[in-house]
N, C-alpha and C. Protein backbone atom coordinates (compact mmCIF):
# COMPACT_ATOMS: atom_id res chain seq x y z
N MET A 1 97.19 -137.65 180.05
CA MET A 1 97.12 -136.42 180.82
C MET A 1 98.43 -135.68 180.68
N PHE A 2 98.36 -134.38 180.82
CA PHE A 2 99.53 -133.54 180.68
C PHE A 2 99.67 -132.65 181.90
N HIS A 3 100.92 -132.39 182.26
CA HIS A 3 101.20 -131.48 183.36
C HIS A 3 101.67 -130.17 182.75
N ASN A 4 101.01 -129.09 183.09
CA ASN A 4 101.32 -127.81 182.47
C ASN A 4 102.17 -126.93 183.36
N GLY A 5 102.80 -127.50 184.38
CA GLY A 5 103.62 -126.70 185.27
C GLY A 5 102.85 -126.25 186.50
N SER A 6 101.53 -126.31 186.45
CA SER A 6 100.74 -125.99 187.63
C SER A 6 100.52 -127.29 188.40
N GLU A 7 99.75 -127.21 189.47
CA GLU A 7 99.53 -128.38 190.30
C GLU A 7 98.50 -129.34 189.71
N GLN A 8 97.70 -128.89 188.76
CA GLN A 8 96.63 -129.72 188.24
C GLN A 8 96.96 -130.23 186.85
N MET A 9 96.45 -131.41 186.56
CA MET A 9 96.68 -132.04 185.27
C MET A 9 95.56 -131.68 184.31
N GLU A 10 95.90 -131.63 183.03
CA GLU A 10 94.91 -131.40 181.99
C GLU A 10 94.61 -132.74 181.33
N GLN A 11 93.34 -132.95 181.00
CA GLN A 11 92.95 -134.18 180.32
C GLN A 11 91.73 -133.94 179.45
N LEU A 12 91.61 -134.78 178.46
CA LEU A 12 90.47 -134.75 177.56
C LEU A 12 89.46 -135.78 178.05
N ARG A 13 88.20 -135.38 178.13
CA ARG A 13 87.15 -136.33 178.49
C ARG A 13 85.94 -136.08 177.61
N PRO A 14 85.09 -137.09 177.43
CA PRO A 14 83.90 -136.89 176.60
C PRO A 14 83.04 -135.75 177.13
N MET A 15 82.51 -134.96 176.21
CA MET A 15 81.65 -133.84 176.56
C MET A 15 80.28 -134.37 176.99
N ARG A 16 79.71 -133.74 178.02
CA ARG A 16 78.38 -134.08 178.53
C ARG A 16 77.46 -132.87 178.36
N GLU A 17 76.17 -133.11 178.41
CA GLU A 17 75.21 -132.00 178.28
C GLU A 17 75.46 -130.91 179.31
N ALA A 18 75.84 -131.28 180.51
CA ALA A 18 76.10 -130.30 181.56
C ALA A 18 77.27 -129.37 181.21
N ASP A 19 78.11 -129.77 180.26
CA ASP A 19 79.27 -128.96 179.86
C ASP A 19 78.91 -127.88 178.84
N ILE A 20 77.76 -128.01 178.20
CA ILE A 20 77.41 -127.11 177.09
C ILE A 20 77.50 -125.63 177.46
N PRO A 21 76.94 -125.17 178.59
CA PRO A 21 77.04 -123.73 178.89
C PRO A 21 78.48 -123.23 178.97
N ASP A 22 79.36 -124.00 179.63
CA ASP A 22 80.77 -123.57 179.75
C ASP A 22 81.44 -123.55 178.38
N VAL A 23 81.17 -124.57 177.57
CA VAL A 23 81.77 -124.65 176.24
C VAL A 23 81.28 -123.50 175.36
N LEU A 24 79.99 -123.22 175.41
CA LEU A 24 79.46 -122.11 174.60
C LEU A 24 80.04 -120.77 175.05
N GLN A 25 80.30 -120.62 176.34
CA GLN A 25 80.92 -119.37 176.81
C GLN A 25 82.34 -119.23 176.26
N ILE A 26 83.09 -120.33 176.26
CA ILE A 26 84.45 -120.29 175.69
C ILE A 26 84.39 -119.86 174.23
N LEU A 27 83.48 -120.47 173.48
CA LEU A 27 83.35 -120.13 172.05
C LEU A 27 82.85 -118.70 171.88
N HIS A 28 81.90 -118.27 172.70
CA HIS A 28 81.35 -116.92 172.62
C HIS A 28 82.43 -115.87 172.87
N ASP A 29 83.32 -116.16 173.81
CA ASP A 29 84.40 -115.21 174.11
C ASP A 29 85.32 -115.01 172.91
N ARG A 30 85.36 -115.96 172.00
CA ARG A 30 86.16 -115.85 170.78
C ARG A 30 85.35 -115.25 169.64
N ASP A 31 84.09 -115.74 169.49
CA ASP A 31 83.26 -115.29 168.36
C ASP A 31 81.80 -115.63 168.65
N GLU A 32 80.97 -114.62 168.75
CA GLU A 32 79.56 -114.82 169.09
C GLU A 32 78.83 -115.69 168.06
N ASP A 33 79.11 -115.46 166.78
CA ASP A 33 78.46 -116.26 165.73
C ASP A 33 78.85 -117.73 165.82
N ASP A 34 80.12 -118.00 166.11
CA ASP A 34 80.56 -119.39 166.26
C ASP A 34 79.82 -120.06 167.42
N ALA A 35 79.62 -119.34 168.51
CA ALA A 35 78.91 -119.91 169.66
C ALA A 35 77.48 -120.28 169.27
N GLU A 36 76.84 -119.43 168.48
CA GLU A 36 75.48 -119.74 168.04
C GLU A 36 75.46 -120.97 167.13
N ASP A 37 76.41 -121.05 166.22
CA ASP A 37 76.49 -122.22 165.34
C ASP A 37 76.80 -123.49 166.14
N ALA A 38 77.68 -123.36 167.11
CA ALA A 38 78.04 -124.52 167.94
C ALA A 38 76.84 -125.00 168.76
N ALA A 39 76.03 -124.07 169.25
CA ALA A 39 74.85 -124.46 170.02
C ALA A 39 73.95 -125.36 169.17
N GLU A 40 73.80 -125.02 167.89
CA GLU A 40 73.00 -125.85 166.99
C GLU A 40 73.65 -127.22 166.80
N THR A 41 74.96 -127.25 166.63
CA THR A 41 75.68 -128.52 166.50
C THR A 41 75.44 -129.39 167.73
N PHE A 42 75.56 -128.81 168.91
CA PHE A 42 75.42 -129.58 170.15
C PHE A 42 73.99 -130.04 170.38
N ARG A 43 73.00 -129.31 169.86
CA ARG A 43 71.61 -129.76 169.96
C ARG A 43 71.41 -131.07 169.20
N ARG A 44 72.20 -131.27 168.15
CA ARG A 44 72.09 -132.50 167.35
C ARG A 44 72.81 -133.68 168.02
N GLY A 45 73.66 -133.39 168.99
CA GLY A 45 74.35 -134.46 169.70
C GLY A 45 75.79 -134.10 170.04
N LEU A 46 76.35 -134.83 170.98
CA LEU A 46 77.70 -134.56 171.47
C LEU A 46 78.70 -135.65 171.12
N LEU A 47 78.24 -136.65 170.39
CA LEU A 47 79.13 -137.75 170.03
C LEU A 47 80.34 -137.22 169.26
N GLY A 48 81.52 -137.59 169.73
CA GLY A 48 82.75 -137.14 169.09
C GLY A 48 83.32 -135.86 169.66
N TYR A 49 82.63 -135.25 170.63
CA TYR A 49 83.12 -134.01 171.25
C TYR A 49 83.71 -134.30 172.63
N PHE A 50 84.77 -133.55 172.94
CA PHE A 50 85.50 -133.72 174.19
C PHE A 50 85.79 -132.36 174.79
N VAL A 51 85.88 -132.32 176.11
CA VAL A 51 86.30 -131.11 176.79
C VAL A 51 87.68 -131.33 177.38
N TRP A 52 88.45 -130.27 177.38
CA TRP A 52 89.80 -130.25 177.94
C TRP A 52 89.63 -129.67 179.34
N VAL A 53 89.94 -130.47 180.34
CA VAL A 53 89.70 -130.03 181.71
C VAL A 53 91.00 -129.98 182.51
N ARG A 54 91.02 -129.04 183.43
CA ARG A 54 92.10 -128.92 184.42
C ARG A 54 91.40 -128.92 185.78
N GLY A 55 91.62 -129.99 186.51
CA GLY A 55 90.86 -130.15 187.76
C GLY A 55 89.40 -130.30 187.40
N ASN A 56 88.56 -129.41 187.93
CA ASN A 56 87.13 -129.42 187.61
C ASN A 56 86.76 -128.35 186.59
N ASP A 57 87.74 -127.61 186.08
CA ASP A 57 87.47 -126.50 185.16
C ASP A 57 87.60 -126.93 183.71
N ILE A 58 86.59 -126.58 182.93
CA ILE A 58 86.66 -126.80 181.48
C ILE A 58 87.46 -125.64 180.90
N VAL A 59 88.55 -125.97 180.21
CA VAL A 59 89.40 -124.93 179.64
C VAL A 59 89.44 -124.98 178.12
N GLY A 60 88.78 -125.99 177.52
CA GLY A 60 88.76 -126.07 176.07
C GLY A 60 87.79 -127.12 175.58
N VAL A 61 87.61 -127.13 174.27
CA VAL A 61 86.71 -128.09 173.62
C VAL A 61 87.32 -128.49 172.28
N THR A 62 87.11 -129.73 171.89
CA THR A 62 87.49 -130.19 170.57
C THR A 62 86.62 -131.39 170.22
N GLY A 63 86.63 -131.75 168.98
CA GLY A 63 85.86 -132.90 168.56
C GLY A 63 86.15 -133.23 167.11
N ALA A 64 85.69 -134.39 166.71
CA ALA A 64 85.86 -134.82 165.31
C ALA A 64 84.78 -135.83 164.99
N THR A 65 84.35 -135.81 163.74
CA THR A 65 83.36 -136.79 163.29
C THR A 65 83.90 -137.49 162.05
N PRO A 66 83.59 -138.79 161.94
CA PRO A 66 84.06 -139.53 160.76
C PRO A 66 83.37 -139.01 159.50
N ILE A 67 84.09 -139.09 158.40
CA ILE A 67 83.53 -138.71 157.10
C ILE A 67 83.00 -139.97 156.45
N ASP A 68 81.72 -139.94 156.08
CA ASP A 68 81.10 -141.09 155.42
C ASP A 68 81.88 -141.50 154.18
N ASN A 69 81.92 -142.79 153.93
CA ASN A 69 82.52 -143.36 152.72
C ASN A 69 84.01 -143.07 152.57
N THR A 70 84.70 -142.92 153.70
CA THR A 70 86.16 -142.78 153.68
C THR A 70 86.76 -143.82 154.62
N VAL A 71 88.01 -144.07 154.45
CA VAL A 71 88.74 -144.95 155.35
C VAL A 71 89.63 -144.06 156.22
N GLY A 72 89.19 -143.84 157.44
CA GLY A 72 90.00 -143.06 158.38
C GLY A 72 89.94 -141.57 158.19
N GLY A 73 88.92 -141.06 157.50
CA GLY A 73 88.78 -139.62 157.33
C GLY A 73 87.89 -139.02 158.40
N PHE A 74 88.31 -137.89 158.96
CA PHE A 74 87.55 -137.19 159.99
C PHE A 74 87.50 -135.70 159.66
N VAL A 75 86.47 -135.04 160.15
CA VAL A 75 86.37 -133.58 160.09
C VAL A 75 86.50 -133.07 161.52
N LEU A 76 87.42 -132.14 161.72
CA LEU A 76 87.59 -131.53 163.03
C LEU A 76 86.38 -130.68 163.35
N GLY A 77 85.87 -130.83 164.58
CA GLY A 77 84.73 -130.04 165.02
C GLY A 77 85.19 -128.80 165.76
N TRP A 78 84.26 -128.19 166.48
CA TRP A 78 84.56 -126.97 167.23
C TRP A 78 85.76 -127.22 168.13
N THR A 79 86.79 -126.39 167.97
CA THR A 79 88.03 -126.55 168.73
C THR A 79 88.48 -125.18 169.21
N CYS A 80 88.56 -125.02 170.52
CA CYS A 80 88.87 -123.71 171.08
C CYS A 80 89.29 -123.89 172.54
N ILE A 81 90.13 -122.99 173.03
CA ILE A 81 90.46 -122.97 174.45
C ILE A 81 90.09 -121.59 174.99
N ARG A 82 89.99 -121.52 176.31
CA ARG A 82 89.69 -120.23 176.95
C ARG A 82 90.78 -119.22 176.62
N ASN A 83 90.39 -117.96 176.61
CA ASN A 83 91.32 -116.88 176.29
C ASN A 83 92.51 -116.81 177.25
N ASP A 84 92.33 -117.27 178.48
CA ASP A 84 93.41 -117.17 179.47
C ASP A 84 94.38 -118.36 179.42
N GLN A 85 94.21 -119.24 178.44
CA GLN A 85 95.07 -120.42 178.33
C GLN A 85 96.22 -120.16 177.35
N SER A 86 97.29 -120.90 177.54
CA SER A 86 98.48 -120.74 176.71
C SER A 86 98.34 -121.51 175.40
N PRO A 87 99.08 -121.10 174.38
CA PRO A 87 99.11 -121.89 173.14
C PRO A 87 99.57 -123.32 173.39
N GLU A 88 100.40 -123.54 174.39
CA GLU A 88 100.86 -124.89 174.72
C GLU A 88 99.68 -125.77 175.15
N SER A 89 98.74 -125.19 175.87
CA SER A 89 97.55 -125.95 176.28
C SER A 89 96.75 -126.37 175.05
N LEU A 90 96.62 -125.48 174.08
CA LEU A 90 95.92 -125.81 172.83
C LEU A 90 96.66 -126.93 172.10
N ARG A 91 97.97 -126.83 172.02
CA ARG A 91 98.78 -127.85 171.35
C ARG A 91 98.58 -129.21 172.02
N GLN A 92 98.60 -129.24 173.34
CA GLN A 92 98.43 -130.50 174.06
C GLN A 92 97.04 -131.09 173.84
N MET A 93 96.01 -130.24 173.84
CA MET A 93 94.65 -130.72 173.62
C MET A 93 94.52 -131.34 172.24
N ILE A 94 95.02 -130.65 171.23
CA ILE A 94 94.92 -131.16 169.86
C ILE A 94 95.78 -132.42 169.70
N SER A 95 96.93 -132.45 170.31
CA SER A 95 97.80 -133.62 170.24
C SER A 95 97.09 -134.85 170.82
N GLN A 96 96.44 -134.68 171.96
CA GLN A 96 95.74 -135.80 172.56
C GLN A 96 94.56 -136.23 171.69
N MET A 97 93.86 -135.26 171.08
CA MET A 97 92.74 -135.58 170.20
C MET A 97 93.24 -136.37 168.98
N LEU A 98 94.33 -135.94 168.38
CA LEU A 98 94.88 -136.65 167.22
C LEU A 98 95.30 -138.07 167.59
N SER A 99 95.86 -138.23 168.77
CA SER A 99 96.25 -139.55 169.23
C SER A 99 95.02 -140.46 169.36
N MET A 100 93.93 -139.91 169.90
CA MET A 100 92.69 -140.68 170.02
C MET A 100 92.17 -141.07 168.63
N LEU A 101 92.25 -140.15 167.67
CA LEU A 101 91.78 -140.45 166.32
C LEU A 101 92.63 -141.54 165.67
N ARG A 102 93.94 -141.47 165.86
CA ARG A 102 94.82 -142.52 165.33
C ARG A 102 94.44 -143.88 165.91
N ASP A 103 94.14 -143.89 167.20
CA ASP A 103 93.74 -145.14 167.85
C ASP A 103 92.43 -145.69 167.27
N GLU A 104 91.61 -144.81 166.71
CA GLU A 104 90.34 -145.22 166.09
C GLU A 104 90.49 -145.47 164.59
N GLY A 105 91.72 -145.50 164.10
CA GLY A 105 91.96 -145.76 162.69
C GLY A 105 92.00 -144.52 161.83
N GLY A 106 92.08 -143.36 162.47
CA GLY A 106 92.13 -142.10 161.72
C GLY A 106 93.41 -141.98 160.91
N ARG A 107 93.25 -141.52 159.66
CA ARG A 107 94.40 -141.33 158.76
C ARG A 107 94.51 -139.90 158.28
N LYS A 108 93.36 -139.23 158.17
CA LYS A 108 93.34 -137.84 157.69
C LYS A 108 92.31 -137.08 158.50
N ILE A 109 92.62 -135.81 158.75
CA ILE A 109 91.66 -134.95 159.42
C ILE A 109 91.58 -133.64 158.65
N PHE A 110 90.38 -133.23 158.39
CA PHE A 110 90.13 -131.98 157.67
C PHE A 110 89.65 -130.95 158.68
N ALA A 111 90.18 -129.75 158.58
CA ALA A 111 89.88 -128.70 159.56
C ALA A 111 89.22 -127.51 158.86
N PRO A 112 87.88 -127.42 158.97
CA PRO A 112 87.20 -126.23 158.45
C PRO A 112 87.55 -125.04 159.32
N LEU A 113 87.64 -123.87 158.74
CA LEU A 113 87.98 -122.66 159.47
C LEU A 113 86.77 -121.75 159.55
N SER A 114 86.59 -121.11 160.70
CA SER A 114 85.53 -120.12 160.80
C SER A 114 86.12 -118.75 160.47
N ASP A 115 85.25 -117.83 160.13
CA ASP A 115 85.75 -116.49 159.76
C ASP A 115 85.76 -115.54 160.91
């Protein structure tokens, strides 16, 4: 968990179905097409996805899936924070995600970019 200077701590937790509307809104606020693509991804399952929460508020999303036939290779999934969050919050979320991947034997992560 990280303290961002406010009274509440930020932490990464596994994404649940109940989180999907909030996560899609975060993505939609950045790019409508990405939100539509993410909705399809989430319909296939949430394994490997996490939400970045402060108190009870979802402020970001990230995830990664293993790459078949690799040793420690992962592809970064939908990763975004709310528009009202600081770049430091994004850095902390990604840092915690990378730490979790290292703990799972992760050695490389590939990050596809949306347009």
